[in-house]
Amino acid sequence: MRYFLNKLGFLLLTIWAALTLNFALPRLMPGNPALNMLAKFQGKMPPQALKAFELQFGFSNQPWPIQYINYLGSMLTGHFGFSYTYYPVHVSTIIAQSLPWTLGLLGISYLVSVVLGTVLGIFIAWRRGGVTDSITPIVSMTFQAIPQFWLAVVFVYFLAFSNNIFPMSHSYGNTEVPGLNWPFIRSVVYHGFLPFLVVFLTSVSGWIIGMRNNMMMTLGEDYVVFAEAKGVSPRRLIFNYAARNAILPQVTSMAIALTTIIGGQILIEQVFSYQGIGFQLTNAVTSEDYPLIQGMFLIVAVFGVVINFLVDILYGRLDPRIRRRGATS
């Protein structure tokens, strides 16, 4: 219980730090976003609108402590302000529309990569020295060495632009009606296949090599050798003795990979014009849409902290030694 409370306290402290940093940075930037918004209308709006824009965007002449309290209240209620680019659309609305696409695409890609890479790593380590051990790491590392955006451009050119096998952009067809219907689902899978393939090919090798190396070290441990000498069945030896301990470093790597999902693969989503968080964040930076940048930064930071918290708890369950050390520290 003490281990859990320590991790929970660290989680809350980190979220508070992210919220505070998210509050301070836009207010330290030069200029007034309300003036920029007013300038877009090229003098077609009265000067009185400036005050209304300042209130809507959360900038006022009130002391910072009062602004900070109001800001925390807005964050707790999910009101991140209005987007400059899509005004008067709320930032929370834009995030809610783009977040599922990033989670769906990258979540499935990483899940398949982790599961398949871990299983292949276990098999290759157990059959070390064979043909699979010689070929699979070389092929997988070749794809990992290729930059993701370059592989994405190659796929777009040859499979979409030149041969028209797959679509070049967007997450579903313009004629499809979003919903739980087969034409829409088929269109989503069709449009998402190329970005999925790029992420999968460039990430699965890390899981294969990582699990293989962990298994090789674990299989040389004394307790594994002793269990093998006692006649423990190969299936039980590989899963109950070796894989369970070898997978612990993979859990840490999985936490790092999961924290990158919410931020999106910015270049991948940009190449395929896939309307996820990365695509929207790039457009927000280009158009200097500070509320949208601020809201997305907060979502990315909180998601990363929560994922690390959950992985810490999971790691403590998998390895009781970590939990005992955490409870005594």
C-alpha atoms as a PDB file:
ATOM      1  CA  MET A   1       0.000   0.000   0.000  1.00  0.00           C
ATOM      2  CA  ARG A   2       2.823   2.410   0.842  1.00  0.00           C
ATOM      3  CA  TYR A   3       4.412   1.743  -2.548  1.00  0.00           C
ATOM      4  CA  PHE A   4       1.119   2.623  -4.249  1.00  0.00           C
ATOM      5  CA  LEU A   5       0.680   5.801  -2.193  1.00  0.00           C
ATOM      6  CA  ASN A   6       4.235   6.939  -2.981  1.00  0.00           C
ATOM      7  CA  LYS A   7       3.625   6.503  -6.709  1.00  0.00           C
ATOM      8  CA  LEU A   8       0.220   8.197  -6.466  1.00  0.00           C
ATOM      9  CA  GLY A   9       1.749  11.198  -4.684  1.00  0.00           C
ATOM     10  CA  PHE A  10       4.420  11.490  -7.364  1.00  0.00           C
ATOM     11  CA  LEU A  11       1.704  11.269 -10.036  1.00  0.00           C
ATOM     12  CA  LEU A  12      -0.314  14.130  -8.527  1.00  0.00           C
ATOM     13  CA  LEU A  13       2.795  16.268  -8.035  1.00  0.00           C
ATOM     14  CA  THR A  14       3.874  15.771 -11.649  1.00  0.00           C
ATOM     15  CA  ILE A  15       0.412  16.612 -12.989  1.00  0.00           C
ATOM     16  CA  TRP A  16       0.381  19.787 -10.883  1.00  0.00           C
ATOM     17  CA  ALA A  17       3.819  20.752 -12.270  1.00  0.00           C
ATOM     18  CA  ALA A  18       2.586  20.169 -15.840  1.00  0.00           C
ATOM     19  CA  LEU A  19      -0.518  22.287 -15.192  1.00  0.00           C
ATOM     20  CA  THR A  20       1.561  25.112 -13.724  1.00  0.00           C
ATOM     21  CA  LEU A  21       4.038  25.075 -16.588  1.00  0.00           C
ATOM     22  CA  ASN A  22       1.167  25.009 -19.051  1.00  0.00           C
ATOM     23  CA  PHE A  23      -0.290  28.096 -17.361  1.00  0.00           C
ATOM     24  CA  ALA A  24       2.938  30.085 -17.234  1.00  0.00           C
ATOM     25  CA  LEU A  25       4.438  29.543 -20.691  1.00  0.00           C
ATOM     26  CA  PRO A  26       1.754  31.253 -22.826  1.00  0.00           C
ATOM     27  CA  ARG A  27       1.675  34.235 -20.448  1.00  0.00           C
ATOM     28  CA  LEU A  28       5.440  34.671 -20.680  1.00  0.00           C
ATOM     29  CA  MET A  29       5.288  34.855 -24.468  1.00  0.00           C
ATOM     30  CA  PRO A  30       5.365  38.324 -26.035  1.00  0.00           C
ATOM     31  CA  GLY A  31       2.236  39.764 -27.611  1.00  0.00           C
ATOM     32  CA  ASN A  32      -1.464  39.501 -26.982  1.00  0.00           C
ATOM     33  CA  PRO A  33      -3.390  36.662 -28.634  1.00  0.00           C
ATOM     34  CA  ALA A  34      -6.560  38.752 -28.570  1.00  0.00           C
ATOM     35  CA  LEU A  35      -4.853  41.408 -30.704  1.00  0.00           C
ATOM     36  CA  ASN A  36      -3.756  38.725 -33.170  1.00  0.00           C
ATOM     37  CA  MET A  37      -7.312  37.433 -33.337  1.00  0.00           C
ATOM     38  CA  LEU A  38      -8.675  40.947 -33.862  1.00  0.00           C
ATOM     39  CA  ALA A  39      -6.157  41.559 -36.643  1.00  0.00           C
ATOM     40  CA  LYS A  40      -7.523  38.594 -38.599  1.00  0.00           C
ATOM     41  CA  PHE A  41     -10.762  40.497 -39.111  1.00  0.00           C
ATOM     42  CA  GLN A  42      -8.806  43.411 -40.683  1.00  0.00           C
ATOM     43  CA  GLY A  43     -10.627  46.181 -38.838  1.00  0.00           C
ATOM     44  CA  LYS A  44     -14.108  44.792 -39.470  1.00  0.00           C
ATOM     45  CA  MET A  45     -14.785  44.390 -35.740  1.00  0.00           C
ATOM     46  CA  PRO A  46     -15.122  47.187 -33.165  1.00  0.00           C
ATOM     47  CA  PRO A  47     -12.335  47.770 -30.608  1.00  0.00           C
ATOM     48  CA  GLN A  48     -14.738  46.687 -27.847  1.00  0.00           C
ATOM     49  CA  ALA A  49     -14.361  43.132 -29.129  1.00  0.00           C
ATOM     50  CA  LEU A  50     -10.765  43.105 -27.831  1.00  0.00           C
ATOM     51  CA  LYS A  51     -11.942  42.816 -24.232  1.00  0.00           C
ATOM     52  CA  ALA A  52     -14.282  39.961 -25.125  1.00  0.00           C
ATOM     53  CA  PHE A  53     -11.487  38.088 -26.901  1.00  0.00           C
ATOM     54  CA  GLU A  54      -9.155  38.539 -23.915  1.00  0.00           C
ATOM     55  CA  LEU A  55     -11.762  37.068 -21.567  1.00  0.00           C
ATOM     56  CA  GLN A  56     -12.480  34.159 -23.905  1.00  0.00           C
ATOM     57  CA  PHE A  57      -8.798  33.328 -24.314  1.00  0.00           C
ATOM     58  CA  GLY A  58      -8.181  33.539 -20.552  1.00  0.00           C
ATOM     59  CA  PHE A  59      -5.964  36.640 -20.627  1.00  0.00           C
ATOM     60  CA  SER A  60      -6.900  39.513 -18.338  1.00  0.00           C
ATOM     61  CA  ASN A  61      -5.368  42.212 -16.154  1.00  0.00           C
ATOM     62  CA  GLN A  62      -6.137  40.288 -12.982  1.00  0.00           C
ATOM     63  CA  PRO A  63      -3.233  39.246 -10.737  1.00  0.00           C
ATOM     64  CA  TRP A  64      -1.580  35.983 -11.699  1.00  0.00           C
ATOM     65  CA  PRO A  65      -2.746  34.094  -8.569  1.00  0.00           C
ATOM     66  CA  ILE A  66      -6.388  34.812  -9.442  1.00  0.00           C
ATOM     67  CA  GLN A  67      -5.784  33.875 -13.087  1.00  0.00           C
ATOM     68  CA  TYR A  68      -4.079  30.687 -11.897  1.00  0.00           C
ATOM     69  CA  ILE A  69      -7.055  29.678  -9.740  1.00  0.00           C
ATOM     70  CA  ASN A  70      -9.475  30.353 -12.612  1.00  0.00           C
ATOM     71  CA  TYR A  71      -7.195  28.405 -14.941  1.00  0.00           C
ATOM     72  CA  LEU A  72      -7.139  25.354 -12.640  1.00  0.00           C
ATOM     73  CA  GLY A  73     -10.920  25.448 -12.458  1.00  0.00           C
ATOM     74  CA  SER A  74     -11.143  25.538 -16.255  1.00  0.00           C
ATOM     75  CA  MET A  75      -8.713  22.634 -16.607  1.00  0.00           C
ATOM     76  CA  LEU A  76     -10.649  20.506 -14.115  1.00  0.00           C
ATOM     77  CA  THR A  77     -13.849  21.093 -16.080  1.00  0.00           C
ATOM     78  CA  GLY A  78     -12.145  20.346 -19.413  1.00  0.00           C
ATOM     79  CA  HIS A  79     -12.454  23.882 -20.799  1.00  0.00           C
ATOM     80  CA  PHE A  80      -9.157  24.573 -22.588  1.00  0.00           C
ATOM     81  CA  GLY A  81     -10.309  27.744 -24.287  1.00  0.00           C
ATOM     82  CA  PHE A  82     -11.018  28.592 -27.912  1.00  0.00           C
ATOM     83  CA  SER A  83      -8.834  27.760 -30.876  1.00  0.00           C
ATOM     84  CA  TYR A  84      -7.543  30.725 -32.897  1.00  0.00           C
ATOM     85  CA  THR A  85      -7.511  28.751 -36.131  1.00  0.00           C
ATOM     86  CA  TYR A  86     -10.958  27.183 -35.784  1.00  0.00           C
ATOM     87  CA  TYR A  87     -12.601  29.965 -33.757  1.00  0.00           C
ATOM     88  CA  PRO A  88     -15.161  29.754 -32.172  1.00  0.00           C
ATOM     89  CA  VAL A  89     -14.567  25.986 -31.781  1.00  0.00           C
ATOM     90  CA  HIS A  90     -13.363  24.870 -28.341  1.00  0.00           C
ATOM     91  CA  VAL A  91      -9.908  23.312 -28.040  1.00  0.00           C
ATOM     92  CA  SER A  92     -11.445  20.371 -26.179  1.00  0.00           C
ATOM     93  CA  THR A  93     -13.683  19.699 -29.190  1.00  0.00           C
ATOM     94  CA  ILE A  94     -10.704  19.576 -31.566  1.00  0.00           C
ATOM     95  CA  ILE A  95      -8.782  17.284 -29.215  1.00  0.00           C
ATOM     96  CA  ALA A  96     -11.809  15.012 -28.793  1.00  0.00           C
ATOM     97  CA  GLN A  97     -12.125  14.729 -32.583  1.00  0.00           C
ATOM     98  CA  SER A  98      -8.445  14.026 -33.301  1.00  0.00           C
ATOM     99  CA  LEU A  99      -7.465  11.939 -30.252  1.00  0.00           C
ATOM    100  CA  PRO A 100      -9.373   8.754 -31.219  1.00  0.00           C
ATOM    101  CA  TRP A 101      -7.615   8.621 -34.592  1.00  0.00           C
ATOM    102  CA  THR A 102      -4.166   8.773 -33.009  1.00  0.00           C
ATOM    103  CA  LEU A 103      -5.044   6.282 -30.275  1.00  0.00           C
ATOM    104  CA  GLY A 104      -6.615   3.904 -32.758  1.00  0.00           C
ATOM    105  CA  LEU A 105      -3.837   4.000 -35.351  1.00  0.00           C
ATOM    106  CA  LEU A 106      -0.762   4.115 -33.142  1.00  0.00           C
ATOM    107  CA  GLY A 107      -2.301   2.072 -30.328  1.00  0.00           C
ATOM    108  CA  ILE A 108      -3.041  -0.855 -32.625  1.00  0.00           C
ATOM    109  CA  SER A 109       0.342  -0.488 -34.370  1.00  0.00           C
ATOM    110  CA  TYR A 110       2.295  -0.582 -31.126  1.00  0.00           C
ATOM    111  CA  LEU A 111       0.145  -3.347 -29.659  1.00  0.00           C
ATOM    112  CA  VAL A 112       0.766  -5.610 -32.646  1.00  0.00           C
ATOM    113  CA  SER A 113       4.468  -4.671 -32.604  1.00  0.00           C
ATOM    114  CA  VAL A 114       4.858  -5.426 -28.887  1.00  0.00           C
ATOM    115  CA  VAL A 115       2.984  -8.725 -28.938  1.00  0.00           C
ATOM    116  CA  LEU A 116       4.493 -10.053 -32.153  1.00  0.00           C
ATOM    117  CA  GLY A 117       7.993  -8.746 -31.375  1.00  0.00           C
ATOM    118  CA  THR A 118       7.973 -10.220 -27.861  1.00  0.00           C
ATOM    119  CA  VAL A 119       6.752 -13.630 -29.042  1.00  0.00           C
ATOM    120  CA  LEU A 120       9.296 -13.721 -31.877  1.00  0.00           C
ATOM    121  CA  GLY A 121      12.054 -12.645 -29.479  1.00  0.00           C
ATOM    122  CA  ILE A 122      11.210 -15.528 -27.121  1.00  0.00           C
ATOM    123  CA  PHE A 123      11.130 -18.030 -29.987  1.00  0.00           C
ATOM    124  CA  ILE A 124      14.383 -16.794 -31.533  1.00  0.00           C
ATOM    125  CA  ALA A 125      16.203 -16.926 -28.177  1.00  0.00           C
ATOM    126  CA  TRP A 126      14.980 -20.458 -27.526  1.00  0.00           C
ATOM    127  CA  ARG A 127      16.004 -21.555 -31.023  1.00  0.00           C
ATOM    128  CA  ARG A 128      19.225 -19.523 -30.926  1.00  0.00           C
ATOM    129  CA  GLY A 129      21.771 -20.320 -33.580  1.00  0.00           C
ATOM    130  CA  GLY A 130      19.139 -21.403 -36.098  1.00  0.00           C
ATOM    131  CA  VAL A 131      18.075 -19.908 -39.400  1.00  0.00           C
ATOM    132  CA  THR A 132      15.441 -17.693 -37.775  1.00  0.00           C
ATOM    133  CA  ASP A 133      18.018 -16.303 -35.355  1.00  0.00           C
ATOM    134  CA  SER A 134      20.249 -15.387 -38.284  1.00  0.00           C
ATOM    135  CA  ILE A 135      17.697 -13.823 -40.633  1.00  0.00           C
ATOM    136  CA  THR A 136      14.988 -12.155 -38.530  1.00  0.00           C
ATOM    137  CA  PRO A 137      17.188  -9.682 -36.601  1.00  0.00           C
ATOM    138  CA  ILE A 138      18.936  -8.533 -39.788  1.00  0.00           C
ATOM    139  CA  VAL A 139      15.679  -7.935 -41.669  1.00  0.00           C
ATOM    140  CA  SER A 140      13.990  -6.231 -38.747  1.00  0.00           C
ATOM    141  CA  MET A 141      16.980  -3.990 -37.975  1.00  0.00           C
ATOM    142  CA  THR A 142      17.090  -2.924 -41.617  1.00  0.00           C
ATOM    143  CA  PHE A 143      13.576  -1.498 -41.343  1.00  0.00           C
ATOM    144  CA  GLN A 144      14.404   0.117 -37.995  1.00  0.00           C
ATOM    145  CA  ALA A 145      17.357   1.928 -39.577  1.00  0.00           C
ATOM    146  CA  ILE A 146      15.086   3.517 -42.198  1.00  0.00           C
ATOM    147  CA  PRO A 147      13.617   6.883 -41.080  1.00  0.00           C
ATOM    148  CA  GLN A 148       9.871   6.608 -40.631  1.00  0.00           C
ATOM    149  CA  PHE A 149       9.011   9.694 -42.662  1.00  0.00           C
ATOM    150  CA  TRP A 150      11.194   8.509 -45.563  1.00  0.00           C
ATOM    151  CA  LEU A 151       9.536   5.085 -45.609  1.00  0.00           C
ATOM    152  CA  ALA A 152       6.147   6.831 -45.432  1.00  0.00           C
ATOM    153  CA  VAL A 153       7.005   9.008 -48.442  1.00  0.00           C
ATOM    154  CA  VAL A 154       8.164   5.932 -50.390  1.00  0.00           C
ATOM    155  CA  PHE A 155       4.920   4.091 -49.621  1.00  0.00           C
ATOM    156  CA  VAL A 156       2.828   7.109 -50.580  1.00  0.00           C
ATOM    157  CA  TYR A 157       4.652   7.536 -53.867  1.00  0.00           C
ATOM    158  CA  PHE A 158       4.669   3.899 -55.025  1.00  0.00           C
ATOM    159  CA  LEU A 159       1.498   2.521 -53.430  1.00  0.00           C
ATOM    160  CA  ALA A 160      -0.736   5.597 -53.520  1.00  0.00           C
ATOM    161  CA  PHE A 161       0.429   8.193 -56.025  1.00  0.00           C
ATOM    162  CA  SER A 162       1.868   6.023 -58.804  1.00  0.00           C
ATOM    163  CA  ASN A 163      -0.267   2.875 -58.621  1.00  0.00           C
ATOM    164  CA  ASN A 164      -3.329   4.160 -56.724  1.00  0.00           C
ATOM    165  CA  ILE A 165      -3.509   1.036 -54.587  1.00  0.00           C
ATOM    166  CA  PHE A 166      -4.099   2.948 -51.352  1.00  0.00           C
ATOM    167  CA  PRO A 167      -5.386   6.481 -50.687  1.00  0.00           C
ATOM    168  CA  MET A 168      -2.857   9.273 -50.269  1.00  0.00           C
ATOM    169  CA  SER A 169      -4.463  11.144 -47.368  1.00  0.00           C
ATOM    170  CA  HIS A 170      -7.151  11.413 -44.691  1.00  0.00           C
ATOM    171  CA  SER A 171      -8.523   8.803 -42.316  1.00  0.00           C
ATOM    172  CA  TYR A 172     -11.640   7.815 -44.268  1.00  0.00           C
ATOM    173  CA  GLY A 173     -13.383   8.574 -47.542  1.00  0.00           C
ATOM    174  CA  ASN A 174     -15.289  11.798 -48.132  1.00  0.00           C
ATOM    175  CA  THR A 175     -18.441   9.937 -49.086  1.00  0.00           C
ATOM    176  CA  GLU A 176     -18.572   7.739 -45.979  1.00  0.00           C
ATOM    177  CA  VAL A 177     -20.835   8.530 -43.036  1.00  0.00           C
ATOM    178  CA  PRO A 178     -19.027   8.054 -39.685  1.00  0.00           C
ATOM    179  CA  GLY A 179     -20.640   5.384 -37.536  1.00  0.00           C
ATOM    180  CA  LEU A 180     -20.737   1.685 -36.777  1.00  0.00           C
ATOM    181  CA  ASN A 181     -21.395   0.633 -40.361  1.00  0.00           C
ATOM    182  CA  TRP A 182     -19.330  -1.602 -42.598  1.00  0.00           C
ATOM    183  CA  PRO A 183     -18.575   0.964 -45.385  1.00  0.00           C
ATOM    184  CA  PHE A 184     -17.143   3.418 -42.841  1.00  0.00           C
ATOM    185  CA  ILE A 185     -15.127   0.752 -40.978  1.00  0.00           C
ATOM    186  CA  ARG A 186     -13.759  -0.594 -44.262  1.00  0.00           C
ATOM    187  CA  SER A 187     -12.777   2.919 -45.337  1.00  0.00           C
ATOM    188  CA  VAL A 188     -11.005   3.569 -42.009  1.00  0.00           C
ATOM    189  CA  VAL A 189      -9.010   0.334 -42.309  1.00  0.00           C
ATOM    190  CA  TYR A 190      -8.216   1.078 -45.960  1.00  0.00           C
ATOM    191  CA  HIS A 191      -6.959   4.613 -45.232  1.00  0.00           C
ATOM    192  CA  GLY A 192      -5.056   3.589 -42.106  1.00  0.00           C
ATOM    193  CA  PHE A 193      -3.232   0.569 -43.528  1.00  0.00           C
ATOM    194  CA  LEU A 194      -0.187   2.429 -44.910  1.00  0.00           C
ATOM    195  CA  PRO A 195       0.538   4.505 -41.784  1.00  0.00           C
ATOM    196  CA  PHE A 196      -0.017   1.365 -39.692  1.00  0.00           C
ATOM    197  CA  LEU A 197       2.462  -0.553 -41.835  1.00  0.00           C
ATOM    198  CA  VAL A 198       5.087   2.195 -41.548  1.00  0.00           C
ATOM    199  CA  VAL A 199       4.853   2.337 -37.742  1.00  0.00           C
ATOM    200  CA  PHE A 200       4.801  -1.454 -37.428  1.00  0.00           C
ATOM    201  CA  LEU A 201       7.811  -2.132 -39.680  1.00  0.00           C
ATOM    202  CA  THR A 202       9.963   0.521 -37.998  1.00  0.00           C
ATOM    203  CA  SER A 203       9.112  -0.449 -34.417  1.00  0.00           C
ATOM    204  CA  VAL A 204       8.741  -4.252 -34.307  1.00  0.00           C
ATOM    205  CA  SER A 205      12.487  -4.842 -34.638  1.00  0.00           C
ATOM    206  CA  GLY A 206      13.213  -3.107 -31.344  1.00  0.00           C
ATOM    207  CA  TRP A 207      10.852  -5.462 -29.514  1.00  0.00           C
ATOM    208  CA  ILE A 208      12.316  -8.530 -31.245  1.00  0.00           C
ATOM    209  CA  ILE A 209      15.929  -7.663 -30.485  1.00  0.00           C
ATOM    210  CA  GLY A 210      15.158  -6.459 -26.959  1.00  0.00           C
ATOM    211  CA  MET A 211      13.262  -9.600 -25.976  1.00  0.00           C
ATOM    212  CA  ARG A 212      15.823 -11.865 -27.648  1.00  0.00           C
ATOM    213  CA  ASN A 213      18.711 -10.287 -25.730  1.00  0.00           C
ATOM    214  CA  ASN A 214      16.796 -10.377 -22.439  1.00  0.00           C
ATOM    215  CA  MET A 215      15.935 -14.032 -22.975  1.00  0.00           C
ATOM    216  CA  MET A 216      19.530 -14.924 -23.826  1.00  0.00           C
ATOM    217  CA  MET A 217      20.750 -13.438 -20.544  1.00  0.00           C
ATOM    218  CA  THR A 218      17.957 -15.013 -18.521  1.00  0.00           C
ATOM    219  CA  LEU A 219      18.486 -18.456 -20.028  1.00  0.00           C
ATOM    220  CA  GLY A 220      22.052 -18.351 -18.719  1.00  0.00           C
ATOM    221  CA  GLU A 221      20.972 -17.720 -15.127  1.00  0.00           C
ATOM    222  CA  ASP A 222      21.682 -20.441 -12.563  1.00  0.00           C
ATOM    223  CA  TYR A 223      18.058 -21.025 -11.618  1.00  0.00           C
ATOM    224  CA  VAL A 224      17.125 -21.649 -15.267  1.00  0.00           C
ATOM    225  CA  VAL A 225      20.028 -24.039 -15.782  1.00  0.00           C
ATOM    226  CA  PHE A 226      19.124 -25.818 -12.541  1.00  0.00           C
ATOM    227  CA  ALA A 227      15.464 -26.133 -13.587  1.00  0.00           C
ATOM    228  CA  GLU A 228      16.514 -27.522 -16.952  1.00  0.00           C
ATOM    229  CA  ALA A 229      18.789 -30.041 -15.247  1.00  0.00           C
ATOM    230  CA  LYS A 230      15.888 -31.174 -13.046  1.00  0.00           C
ATOM    231  CA  GLY A 231      13.922 -32.047 -16.155  1.00  0.00           C
ATOM    232  CA  VAL A 232      11.417 -29.209 -16.235  1.00  0.00           C
ATOM    233  CA  SER A 233       9.466 -29.307 -19.491  1.00  0.00           C
ATOM    234  CA  PRO A 234      10.680 -26.895 -22.188  1.00  0.00           C
ATOM    235  CA  ARG A 235       7.316 -25.101 -22.327  1.00  0.00           C
ATOM    236  CA  ARG A 236       7.272 -24.450 -18.591  1.00  0.00           C
ATOM    237  CA  LEU A 237      10.954 -23.553 -18.567  1.00  0.00           C
ATOM    238  CA  ILE A 238      10.657 -20.934 -21.294  1.00  0.00           C
ATOM    239  CA  PHE A 239       7.477 -19.250 -20.074  1.00  0.00           C
ATOM    240  CA  ASN A 240       7.381 -19.737 -16.278  1.00  0.00           C
ATOM    241  CA  TYR A 241      11.116 -19.415 -15.598  1.00  0.00           C
ATOM    242  CA  ALA A 242      12.786 -17.436 -18.394  1.00  0.00           C
ATOM    243  CA  ALA A 243      10.190 -15.287 -20.166  1.00  0.00           C
ATOM    244  CA  ARG A 244       8.542 -13.984 -17.000  1.00  0.00           C
ATOM    245  CA  ASN A 245      11.788 -12.381 -15.817  1.00  0.00           C
ATOM    246  CA  ALA A 246      13.077 -11.461 -19.256  1.00  0.00           C
ATOM    247  CA  ILE A 247       9.925  -9.495 -20.022  1.00  0.00           C
ATOM    248  CA  LEU A 248      10.443  -7.017 -17.163  1.00  0.00           C
ATOM    249  CA  PRO A 249      12.722  -4.660 -19.168  1.00  0.00           C
ATOM    250  CA  GLN A 250      10.176  -4.849 -21.987  1.00  0.00           C
ATOM    251  CA  VAL A 251       7.580  -3.379 -19.637  1.00  0.00           C
ATOM    252  CA  THR A 252       9.771  -0.306 -19.136  1.00  0.00           C
ATOM    253  CA  SER A 253      10.274   0.030 -22.884  1.00  0.00           C
ATOM    254  CA  MET A 254       6.533  -0.342 -23.374  1.00  0.00           C
ATOM    255  CA  ALA A 255       5.926   2.571 -20.996  1.00  0.00           C
ATOM    256  CA  ILE A 256       8.260   4.783 -23.012  1.00  0.00           C
ATOM    257  CA  ALA A 257       6.571   3.727 -26.256  1.00  0.00           C
ATOM    258  CA  LEU A 258       3.067   4.315 -24.874  1.00  0.00           C
ATOM    259  CA  THR A 259       3.924   7.864 -23.838  1.00  0.00           C
ATOM    260  CA  THR A 260       4.723   8.662 -27.471  1.00  0.00           C
ATOM    261  CA  ILE A 261       1.358   7.413 -28.730  1.00  0.00           C
ATOM    262  CA  ILE A 262      -0.701  10.351 -27.525  1.00  0.00           C
ATOM    263  CA  GLY A 263       1.746  12.806 -29.050  1.00  0.00           C
ATOM    264  CA  GLY A 264       1.307  11.022 -32.318  1.00  0.00           C
ATOM    265  CA  GLN A 265       3.919  10.274 -34.900  1.00  0.00           C
ATOM    266  CA  ILE A 266       3.900  13.866 -36.144  1.00  0.00           C
ATOM    267  CA  LEU A 267       5.783  13.268 -39.387  1.00  0.00           C
ATOM    268  CA  ILE A 268       3.784  10.117 -40.175  1.00  0.00           C
ATOM    269  CA  GLU A 269       0.450  11.857 -39.681  1.00  0.00           C
ATOM    270  CA  GLN A 270       1.696  14.843 -41.670  1.00  0.00           C
ATOM    271  CA  VAL A 271       2.819  12.727 -44.641  1.00  0.00           C
ATOM    272  CA  PHE A 272      -0.507  10.888 -44.786  1.00  0.00           C
ATOM    273  CA  SER A 273      -2.576  13.962 -43.758  1.00  0.00           C
ATOM    274  CA  TYR A 274      -4.026  11.731 -41.043  1.00  0.00           C
ATOM    275  CA  GLN A 275      -6.171  13.901 -38.756  1.00  0.00           C
ATOM    276  CA  GLY A 276      -4.654  12.842 -35.451  1.00  0.00           C
ATOM    277  CA  ILE A 277      -3.044  14.757 -32.607  1.00  0.00           C
ATOM    278  CA  GLY A 278       0.288  15.045 -34.438  1.00  0.00           C
ATOM    279  CA  PHE A 279      -1.338  16.492 -37.555  1.00  0.00           C
ATOM    280  CA  GLN A 280      -3.358  19.010 -35.547  1.00  0.00           C
ATOM    281  CA  LEU A 281      -0.335  19.962 -33.440  1.00  0.00           C
ATOM    282  CA  THR A 282       1.719  20.710 -36.541  1.00  0.00           C
ATOM    283  CA  ASN A 283      -1.036  22.948 -37.903  1.00  0.00           C
ATOM    284  CA  ALA A 284      -1.380  24.657 -34.520  1.00  0.00           C
ATOM    285  CA  VAL A 285       2.329  25.454 -34.367  1.00  0.00           C
ATOM    286  CA  THR A 286       2.321  26.719 -37.958  1.00  0.00           C
ATOM    287  CA  SER A 287      -0.627  29.040 -37.306  1.00  0.00           C
ATOM    288  CA  GLU A 288       0.593  30.033 -33.799  1.00  0.00           C
ATOM    289  CA  ASP A 289      -2.594  28.701 -32.249  1.00  0.00           C
ATOM    290  CA  TYR A 290      -1.429  28.918 -28.633  1.00  0.00           C
ATOM    291  CA  PRO A 291      -4.603  27.621 -26.921  1.00  0.00           C
ATOM    292  CA  LEU A 292      -4.593  24.520 -29.109  1.00  0.00           C
ATOM    293  CA  ILE A 293      -0.867  23.970 -28.499  1.00  0.00           C
ATOM    294  CA  GLN A 294      -1.425  24.472 -24.783  1.00  0.00           C
ATOM    295  CA  GLY A 295      -4.330  22.017 -24.622  1.00  0.00           C
ATOM    296  CA  MET A 296      -2.499  19.347 -26.595  1.00  0.00           C
ATOM    297  CA  PHE A 297       0.644  19.761 -24.520  1.00  0.00           C
ATOM    298  CA  LEU A 298      -1.393  19.236 -21.369  1.00  0.00           C
ATOM    299  CA  ILE A 299      -3.065  16.103 -22.736  1.00  0.00           C
ATOM    300  CA  VAL A 300       0.296  14.662 -23.830  1.00  0.00           C
ATOM    301  CA  ALA A 301       1.923  15.428 -20.467  1.00  0.00           C
ATOM    302  CA  VAL A 302      -0.908  14.026 -18.341  1.00  0.00           C
ATOM    303  CA  PHE A 303      -1.217  10.921 -20.515  1.00  0.00           C
ATOM    304  CA  GLY A 304       2.510  10.252 -20.246  1.00  0.00           C
ATOM    305  CA  VAL A 305       2.513  10.664 -16.464  1.00  0.00           C
ATOM    306  CA  VAL A 306      -0.524   8.402 -16.003  1.00  0.00           C
ATOM    307  CA  ILE A 307       0.970   5.702 -18.245  1.00  0.00           C
ATOM    308  CA  ASN A 308       4.212   5.746 -16.262  1.00  0.00           C
ATOM    309  CA  PHE A 309       2.208   5.481 -13.036  1.00  0.00           C
ATOM    310  CA  LEU A 310       0.296   2.440 -14.302  1.00  0.00           C
ATOM    311  CA  VAL A 311       3.488   0.793 -15.529  1.00  0.00           C
ATOM    312  CA  ASP A 312       5.160   1.403 -12.155  1.00  0.00           C
ATOM    313  CA  ILE A 313       2.247  -0.346 -10.448  1.00  0.00           C
ATOM    314  CA  LEU A 314       2.385  -3.207 -12.966  1.00  0.00           C
ATOM    315  CA  TYR A 315       6.150  -3.500 -12.551  1.00  0.00           C
ATOM    316  CA  GLY A 316       5.697  -3.735  -8.802  1.00  0.00           C
ATOM    317  CA  ARG A 317       3.249  -6.602  -9.283  1.00  0.00           C
ATOM    318  CA  LEU A 318       5.549  -8.448 -11.662  1.00  0.00           C
ATOM    319  CA  ASP A 319       8.666  -7.954  -9.540  1.00  0.00           C
ATOM    320  CA  PRO A 320       7.936  -7.937  -5.759  1.00  0.00           C
ATOM    321  CA  ARG A 321      11.511  -6.754  -5.094  1.00  0.00           C
ATOM    322  CA  ILE A 322      10.659  -3.359  -6.614  1.00  0.00           C
ATOM    323  CA  ARG A 323       7.547  -3.066  -4.463  1.00  0.00           C
ATOM    324  CA  ARG A 324       9.471  -3.877  -1.277  1.00  0.00           C
ATOM    325  CA  ARG A 325      12.219  -1.375  -2.037  1.00  0.00           C
ATOM    326  CA  GLY A 326       9.630   1.280  -2.872  1.00  0.00           C
ATOM    327  CA  ALA A 327       7.812   0.685   0.394  1.00  0.00           C
ATOM    328  CA  THR A 328      10.982   1.092   2.475  1.00  0.00           C
ATOM    329  CA  SER A 329      12.278   4.195   0.692  1.00  0.00           C
END
